[in-house]
Amino acid sequence: MDRVECKHAHGVGCEDPSKCGTCGWNPAEARRRLEAQKAALIQEMKPRITYFDQITASREALAEFLASIPALETPWDEVFQQKFCTRCRASGCDRCPHQAERNSPAWFLAQEVADSGNDPLR
């Protein structure tokens, strides 16, 4: 068994896992506490998850977050209108054949960035 230095009488080693004969200190308990302290330090060193990390964890997570923001005009609406509404022949938006893409941040995030100068994000 490893010798553990006594916390009260420095330089005195204990081989008996029950108690140190010098001060009654328990090396097994000291090892347990040391392991608990190491585990706590490792936990503190782990990077903490921020809201940014959570929101941008995936395309789906970002789309869900964006969809939860109440807004009348959004970049995905502008891109949708440019792509579908300019040449639409439907009698009204209620009959839109692209209803799945309408008001959909997920659809917007999957689109290629437009470089025509009409990009709503510029």
Protein backbone atom coordinates (compact mmCIF):
# COMPACT_ATOMS: atom_id res chain seq x y z
CA MET A 1 0.00 0.00 0.00
CA ASP A 2 1.21 3.55 -0.71
CA ARG A 3 2.49 5.63 2.12
CA VAL A 4 0.42 8.77 2.62
CA GLU A 5 1.95 11.68 4.47
CA CYS A 6 0.23 12.53 7.73
CA LYS A 7 -1.45 15.94 7.56
CA HIS A 8 -0.51 16.77 11.16
CA ALA A 9 2.99 15.32 11.47
CA HIS A 10 4.65 16.13 8.15
CA GLY A 11 7.23 13.60 7.08
CA VAL A 12 5.42 10.78 8.90
CA GLY A 13 4.02 8.18 6.57
CA CYS A 14 1.07 5.93 7.29
CA GLU A 15 0.80 2.45 5.88
CA ASP A 16 -2.12 1.43 8.06
CA PRO A 17 -5.33 2.34 6.23
CA SER A 18 -7.23 2.58 9.50
CA LYS A 19 -5.50 5.40 11.40
CA CYS A 20 -2.16 7.10 11.83
CA GLY A 21 -0.52 6.15 15.11
CA THR A 22 0.80 9.69 15.51
CA CYS A 23 -2.40 11.73 15.30
CA GLY A 24 -5.31 9.44 14.51
CA TRP A 25 -5.56 10.74 10.94
CA ASN A 26 -7.21 8.31 8.51
CA PRO A 27 -5.26 7.99 5.23
CA ALA A 28 -8.16 6.28 3.46
CA GLU A 29 -10.40 9.25 4.26
CA ALA A 30 -7.63 11.57 3.06
CA ARG A 31 -7.47 9.70 -0.26
CA ARG A 32 -11.26 9.92 -0.63
CA ARG A 33 -11.20 13.67 0.03
CA LEU A 34 -8.32 14.15 -2.39
CA GLU A 35 -10.21 12.28 -5.14
CA ALA A 36 -13.31 14.41 -4.43
CA GLN A 37 -11.21 17.58 -4.74
CA LYS A 38 -9.69 16.36 -8.01
CA ALA A 39 -13.15 15.59 -9.40
CA ALA A 40 -14.39 19.06 -8.39
CA LEU A 41 -11.40 20.71 -10.11
CA ILE A 42 -11.97 18.70 -13.28
CA GLN A 43 -15.64 19.71 -13.26
CA GLU A 44 -14.71 23.39 -12.85
CA MET A 45 -12.30 23.17 -15.78
CA LYS A 46 -14.94 21.86 -18.17
CA PRO A 47 -16.22 24.52 -20.53
CA ARG A 48 -19.64 25.78 -19.55
CA ILE A 49 -22.41 25.71 -22.11
CA THR A 50 -23.60 29.17 -23.07
CA TYR A 51 -26.89 30.16 -24.68
CA PHE A 52 -24.95 30.67 -27.92
CA ASP A 53 -23.65 27.09 -27.73
CA GLN A 54 -27.15 25.77 -27.12
CA ILE A 55 -28.81 27.87 -29.83
CA THR A 56 -26.18 27.05 -32.46
CA ALA A 57 -25.73 23.37 -31.58
CA SER A 58 -27.47 22.40 -34.81
CA ARG A 59 -29.36 23.90 -37.73
CA GLU A 60 -32.58 22.60 -36.16
CA ALA A 61 -31.84 24.22 -32.78
CA LEU A 62 -31.10 27.56 -34.44
CA ALA A 63 -34.24 27.35 -36.59
CA GLU A 64 -36.36 26.55 -33.54
CA PHE A 65 -34.91 29.52 -31.67
CA LEU A 66 -35.43 31.90 -34.59
CA ALA A 67 -39.02 30.69 -35.07
CA SER A 68 -39.76 31.44 -31.42
CA ILE A 69 -38.96 35.15 -31.86
CA PRO A 70 -42.12 37.13 -32.60
CA ALA A 71 -41.42 39.31 -35.64
CA LEU A 72 -43.48 40.77 -38.46
CA GLU A 73 -40.66 40.94 -41.01
CA THR A 74 -37.77 38.52 -41.02
CA PRO A 75 -34.90 37.74 -43.39
CA TRP A 76 -36.46 34.37 -44.23
CA ASP A 77 -39.69 36.12 -45.29
CA GLU A 78 -37.76 38.37 -47.66
CA VAL A 79 -35.86 35.46 -49.22
CA PHE A 80 -39.10 33.45 -49.51
CA GLN A 81 -40.84 36.36 -51.25
CA GLN A 82 -37.93 36.86 -53.64
CA LYS A 83 -37.81 33.18 -54.51
CA PHE A 84 -41.51 32.31 -54.71
CA CYS A 85 -43.85 35.30 -54.56
CA THR A 86 -42.42 37.33 -57.46
CA ARG A 87 -43.59 34.75 -60.00
CA CYS A 88 -46.52 33.27 -58.09
CA ARG A 89 -49.87 32.83 -59.87
CA ALA A 90 -51.87 31.68 -56.83
CA SER A 91 -55.02 33.70 -56.13
CA GLY A 92 -53.94 34.31 -52.54
CA CYS A 93 -51.33 33.41 -49.95
CA ASP A 94 -53.73 30.96 -48.30
CA ARG A 95 -53.33 28.74 -51.37
CA CYS A 96 -49.55 29.00 -51.48
CA PRO A 97 -48.00 25.83 -52.92
CA HIS A 98 -44.88 26.52 -50.85
CA GLN A 99 -46.57 26.62 -47.45
CA ALA A 100 -43.90 24.37 -45.89
CA GLU A 101 -41.18 26.91 -46.71
CA ARG A 102 -43.26 29.93 -45.71
CA ASN A 103 -42.27 31.49 -42.34
CA SER A 104 -39.63 28.80 -41.95
CA PRO A 105 -36.23 29.71 -40.54
CA ALA A 106 -35.15 26.09 -41.15
CA TRP A 107 -35.84 26.48 -44.87
CA PHE A 108 -34.00 29.83 -44.86
CA LEU A 109 -30.93 28.40 -43.12
CA ALA A 110 -30.65 25.71 -45.81
CA GLN A 111 -30.56 28.29 -48.63
CA GLU A 112 -27.37 29.26 -50.40
CA VAL A 113 -26.21 32.81 -49.67
CA ALA A 114 -27.26 35.14 -52.48
CA ASP A 115 -24.53 37.37 -53.85
CA SER A 116 -26.75 39.57 -56.02
CA GLY A 117 -26.77 42.53 -53.66
CA ASN A 118 -30.31 41.72 -52.54
CA ASP A 119 -29.16 39.50 -49.69
CA PRO A 120 -31.34 40.51 -46.71
CA LEU A 121 -28.46 39.89 -44.32
CA ARG A 122 -26.23 42.55 -45.84
